[in-house]
């Protein structure tokens, strides 16, 4: 299966929930929740290119949320998922 085949159709509610439940599967921040990735790391992907798969979609969404100062919107989802916020690494 190619990376392009791993892309899922957009589902905003599902994707927002996944930001607070999915961990980064590779790289320097492997194991960190997507919602807790540092802004500079997300911005690096924005400059260099997001992976062409569902993780790339989540990274792009989180970069947009973070760059617009909207990360607090994820707090209710964290509470619903009972996932503690990791320390800010920015």
C-alpha atoms as a PDB file:
ATOM      1  CA  UNK A   1       0.000   0.000   0.000  1.00  0.00           C
ATOM      2  CA  UNK A   2       1.418   3.381  -0.986  1.00  0.00           C
ATOM      3  CA  UNK A   3       1.527   6.340   1.365  1.00  0.00           C
ATOM      4  CA  UNK A   4      -1.144   8.088  -0.689  1.00  0.00           C
ATOM      5  CA  UNK A   5      -3.475   5.148  -0.034  1.00  0.00           C
ATOM      6  CA  UNK A   6      -3.010   5.710   3.724  1.00  0.00           C
ATOM      7  CA  UNK A   7      -4.720   9.106   3.477  1.00  0.00           C
ATOM      8  CA  UNK A   8      -8.176   9.145   4.980  1.00  0.00           C
ATOM      9  CA  UNK A   9     -11.049  11.369   3.918  1.00  0.00           C
ATOM     10  CA  UNK A  10     -11.374  14.468   6.111  1.00  0.00           C
ATOM     11  CA  UNK A  11     -13.479  14.057   9.245  1.00  0.00           C
ATOM     12  CA  UNK A  12     -12.905  17.133  11.426  1.00  0.00           C
ATOM     13  CA  UNK A  13     -14.385  15.698  14.627  1.00  0.00           C
ATOM     14  CA  UNK A  14     -12.386  12.483  14.332  1.00  0.00           C
ATOM     15  CA  UNK A  15      -9.205  14.343  13.426  1.00  0.00           C
ATOM     16  CA  UNK A  16      -9.451  16.712  16.409  1.00  0.00           C
ATOM     17  CA  UNK A  17      -9.893  13.736  18.743  1.00  0.00           C
ATOM     18  CA  UNK A  18      -6.928  12.004  17.130  1.00  0.00           C
ATOM     19  CA  UNK A  19      -4.682  15.001  17.871  1.00  0.00           C
ATOM     20  CA  UNK A  20      -5.020  14.251  21.601  1.00  0.00           C
ATOM     21  CA  UNK A  21      -4.809  10.460  21.328  1.00  0.00           C
ATOM     22  CA  UNK A  22      -2.259   9.768  18.573  1.00  0.00           C
ATOM     23  CA  UNK A  23       1.464   9.806  19.237  1.00  0.00           C
ATOM     24  CA  UNK A  24       4.167  10.743  16.775  1.00  0.00           C
ATOM     25  CA  UNK A  25       5.300   7.429  15.257  1.00  0.00           C
ATOM     26  CA  UNK A  26       8.783   8.496  14.132  1.00  0.00           C
ATOM     27  CA  UNK A  27      11.545  11.058  14.424  1.00  0.00           C
ATOM     28  CA  UNK A  28      12.916  13.208  17.176  1.00  0.00           C
ATOM     29  CA  UNK A  29       9.576  13.385  19.006  1.00  0.00           C
ATOM     30  CA  UNK A  30       8.533   9.752  18.615  1.00  0.00           C
ATOM     31  CA  UNK A  31       5.960   8.864  21.281  1.00  0.00           C
ATOM     32  CA  UNK A  32       4.800  12.460  21.911  1.00  0.00           C
ATOM     33  CA  UNK A  33       1.115  13.242  21.371  1.00  0.00           C
ATOM     34  CA  UNK A  34       0.564  15.120  18.119  1.00  0.00           C
ATOM     35  CA  UNK A  35      -1.168  17.862  20.164  1.00  0.00           C
ATOM     36  CA  UNK A  36       1.981  18.256  22.297  1.00  0.00           C
ATOM     37  CA  UNK A  37       4.526  18.582  19.510  1.00  0.00           C
ATOM     38  CA  UNK A  38       6.582  21.783  19.669  1.00  0.00           C
ATOM     39  CA  UNK A  39       5.551  24.573  17.325  1.00  0.00           C
ATOM     40  CA  UNK A  40       9.005  24.750  15.753  1.00  0.00           C
ATOM     41  CA  UNK A  41       8.777  21.051  14.819  1.00  0.00           C
ATOM     42  CA  UNK A  42       5.332  21.557  13.268  1.00  0.00           C
ATOM     43  CA  UNK A  43       6.612  24.628  11.417  1.00  0.00           C
ATOM     44  CA  UNK A  44       9.562  22.610  10.087  1.00  0.00           C
ATOM     45  CA  UNK A  45       7.095  20.156   8.535  1.00  0.00           C
ATOM     46  CA  UNK A  46       5.124  23.078   7.096  1.00  0.00           C
ATOM     47  CA  UNK A  47       8.294  24.339   5.390  1.00  0.00           C
ATOM     48  CA  UNK A  48       9.704  20.975   4.305  1.00  0.00           C
ATOM     49  CA  UNK A  49       6.459  19.150   3.564  1.00  0.00           C
ATOM     50  CA  UNK A  50       4.100  17.001   5.580  1.00  0.00           C
ATOM     51  CA  UNK A  51       4.100  13.223   5.047  1.00  0.00           C
ATOM     52  CA  UNK A  52       1.549  12.164   2.440  1.00  0.00           C
ATOM     53  CA  UNK A  53      -0.530  10.043   4.826  1.00  0.00           C
ATOM     54  CA  UNK A  54      -2.940  10.337   7.754  1.00  0.00           C
ATOM     55  CA  UNK A  55      -0.130  11.379  10.144  1.00  0.00           C
ATOM     56  CA  UNK A  56       0.761  14.173   7.730  1.00  0.00           C
ATOM     57  CA  UNK A  57      -2.868  15.305   7.750  1.00  0.00           C
ATOM     58  CA  UNK A  58      -2.824  15.425  11.561  1.00  0.00           C
ATOM     59  CA  UNK A  59       0.503  17.275  11.623  1.00  0.00           C
ATOM     60  CA  UNK A  60      -0.828  19.860   9.166  1.00  0.00           C
ATOM     61  CA  UNK A  61      -3.984  20.311  11.235  1.00  0.00           C
ATOM     62  CA  UNK A  62      -2.008  20.714  14.460  1.00  0.00           C
ATOM     63  CA  UNK A  63       0.374  23.189  12.813  1.00  0.00           C
ATOM     64  CA  UNK A  64      -2.599  25.289  11.703  1.00  0.00           C
ATOM     65  CA  UNK A  65      -4.150  25.165  15.182  1.00  0.00           C
ATOM     66  CA  UNK A  66      -0.835  25.964  16.894  1.00  0.00           C
ATOM     67  CA  UNK A  67       0.179  28.772  14.544  1.00  0.00           C
ATOM     68  CA  UNK A  68      -3.162  30.485  15.128  1.00  0.00           C
ATOM     69  CA  UNK A  69      -2.943  30.199  18.910  1.00  0.00           C
ATOM     70  CA  UNK A  70      -5.913  27.847  19.142  1.00  0.00           C
ATOM     71  CA  UNK A  71      -4.352  24.958  21.098  1.00  0.00           C
ATOM     72  CA  UNK A  72      -6.682  25.610  24.051  1.00  0.00           C
ATOM     73  CA  UNK A  73      -9.537  24.364  21.882  1.00  0.00           C
ATOM     74  CA  UNK A  74      -8.168  20.857  22.440  1.00  0.00           C
ATOM     75  CA  UNK A  75      -8.533  21.005  26.244  1.00  0.00           C
ATOM     76  CA  UNK A  76     -12.123  19.663  26.318  1.00  0.00           C
ATOM     77  CA  UNK A  77     -11.077  16.815  24.034  1.00  0.00           C
ATOM     78  CA  UNK A  78      -8.154  15.971  26.312  1.00  0.00           C
ATOM     79  CA  UNK A  79     -10.533  15.888  29.245  1.00  0.00           C
ATOM     80  CA  UNK A  80     -12.980  13.671  27.363  1.00  0.00           C
ATOM     81  CA  UNK A  81     -10.156  11.325  26.375  1.00  0.00           C
ATOM     82  CA  UNK A  82      -8.637  11.623  29.878  1.00  0.00           C
ATOM     83  CA  UNK A  83      -5.213  12.291  28.370  1.00  0.00           C
ATOM     84  CA  UNK A  84      -2.965  14.571  30.454  1.00  0.00           C
ATOM     85  CA  UNK A  85      -1.178  17.348  28.635  1.00  0.00           C
ATOM     86  CA  UNK A  86       2.546  16.797  28.352  1.00  0.00           C
ATOM     87  CA  UNK A  87       4.866  19.642  29.385  1.00  0.00           C
ATOM     88  CA  UNK A  88       5.159  22.379  26.784  1.00  0.00           C
ATOM     89  CA  UNK A  89       8.415  21.935  24.848  1.00  0.00           C
ATOM     90  CA  UNK A  90       8.317  25.156  22.844  1.00  0.00           C
END
